[in-house]
Protein backbone atom coordinates (compact mmCIF):
# COMPACT_ATOMS: atom_id res chain seq x y z
CA MET A 1 -70.41 62.97 -31.13
CA ARG A 2 -71.91 62.92 -27.81
CA ARG A 3 -70.10 63.95 -24.50
CA THR A 4 -68.69 60.94 -22.83
CA LYS A 5 -68.59 60.48 -19.04
CA LEU A 6 -64.84 61.16 -19.05
CA ASP A 7 -65.57 64.39 -20.87
CA ARG A 8 -68.09 65.42 -18.16
CA GLN A 9 -65.83 64.27 -15.41
CA TRP A 10 -62.90 66.27 -16.65
CA GLU A 11 -65.16 69.40 -17.26
CA ASP A 12 -66.45 69.00 -13.71
CA LEU A 13 -62.78 68.69 -12.30
CA MET A 14 -61.52 71.74 -14.25
CA SER A 15 -64.37 73.83 -13.15
CA LEU A 16 -63.85 73.00 -9.55
CA CYS A 17 -60.14 73.59 -9.81
CA GLY A 18 -61.02 77.09 -11.18
CA LYS A 19 -63.24 77.74 -8.32
CA GLU A 20 -60.79 76.77 -5.85
CA LYS A 21 -58.03 78.85 -7.34
CA GLU A 22 -60.51 81.86 -7.21
CA PHE A 23 -61.26 81.21 -3.53
CA LEU A 24 -57.74 80.79 -2.51
CA ALA A 25 -56.67 84.01 -4.27
CA ALA A 26 -59.66 85.87 -2.49
CA ARG A 27 -59.17 84.20 0.89
CA SER A 28 -62.90 83.89 0.72
CA HIS A 29 -65.58 81.33 1.54
CA PRO A 30 -63.47 78.83 3.81
CA LYS A 31 -66.47 76.47 4.21
CA LEU A 32 -67.17 76.48 0.45
CA MET A 33 -63.46 76.01 -0.15
CA ARG A 34 -63.34 72.90 1.89
CA LEU A 35 -66.37 71.63 0.03
CA VAL A 36 -64.76 72.37 -3.42
CA SER A 37 -61.61 70.77 -2.34
CA ARG A 38 -63.08 67.32 -1.03
CA GLU A 39 -65.21 67.29 -4.32
CA ILE A 40 -61.85 67.84 -6.39
CA GLU A 41 -60.36 64.76 -4.39
CA LYS A 42 -63.34 62.75 -4.76
CA ILE A 43 -63.72 63.17 -8.60
CA ALA A 44 -60.01 62.81 -9.32
CA SER A 45 -59.84 59.75 -7.27
CA ALA A 46 -62.42 58.18 -9.29
CA MET A 47 -60.71 59.19 -12.48
CA GLY A 48 -57.61 57.33 -11.44
CA PHE A 49 -55.35 60.10 -10.38
CA SER A 50 -52.55 59.22 -7.86
CA THR A 51 -52.66 60.83 -4.35
CA GLY A 52 -49.54 62.88 -5.39
CA GLN A 53 -51.32 64.29 -8.32
CA ILE A 54 -54.35 65.22 -6.26
CA GLU A 55 -52.14 66.85 -3.53
CA ARG A 56 -50.47 68.89 -6.33
CA ARG A 57 -53.60 69.54 -8.42
CA GLU A 58 -51.54 68.01 -11.54
CA PHE A 59 -54.31 66.90 -13.86
CA ARG A 60 -53.40 66.28 -17.59
CA ALA A 61 -55.34 64.64 -20.23
CA GLU A 62 -55.00 64.07 -23.90
CA ARG A 63 -57.59 65.42 -26.18
CA ASP A 64 -58.73 64.45 -29.66
CA GLY A 65 -60.92 67.38 -30.83
CA ASP A 66 -63.42 68.22 -28.04
CA HIS A 67 -63.16 64.87 -26.39
CA ILE A 68 -60.76 63.57 -23.61
CA VAL A 69 -59.30 60.45 -24.88
CA ARG A 70 -56.82 59.42 -22.31
CA LEU A 71 -55.68 60.77 -18.82
CA ILE A 72 -52.05 61.18 -18.03
CA LEU A 73 -51.58 59.47 -14.85
CA ASP A 74 -48.52 59.12 -12.72
CA ASP A 75 -47.57 55.43 -14.07
CA SER A 76 -48.26 56.58 -17.48
CA VAL A 77 -45.57 59.49 -17.32
CA PRO A 78 -42.26 58.43 -18.12
CA PRO A 79 -39.57 59.36 -15.46
CA ALA A 80 -37.46 62.29 -16.08
CA ARG A 81 -33.85 61.28 -17.12
CA SER A 82 -31.32 62.40 -14.75
CA LYS A 83 -28.13 64.04 -16.04
CA PRO A 84 -24.94 61.99 -15.21
């Protein structure tokens, strides 16, 4: 089965998040770091992630084999139940 647009977006997003993590850990390439961060925000926003998820870099998806079938967005996550 061919890769879908969602598969490509997810792969790009995860790759950029990995680079961002590397740059943060090494405290290197500040200009490139800003570029990567902006690109993460752009892709994640286009995919439908909320501002909060983007700020927290909290991206989750459901897979079926090698394909992304559903993104787990803020509004699709049931709220945590509080203890009485």
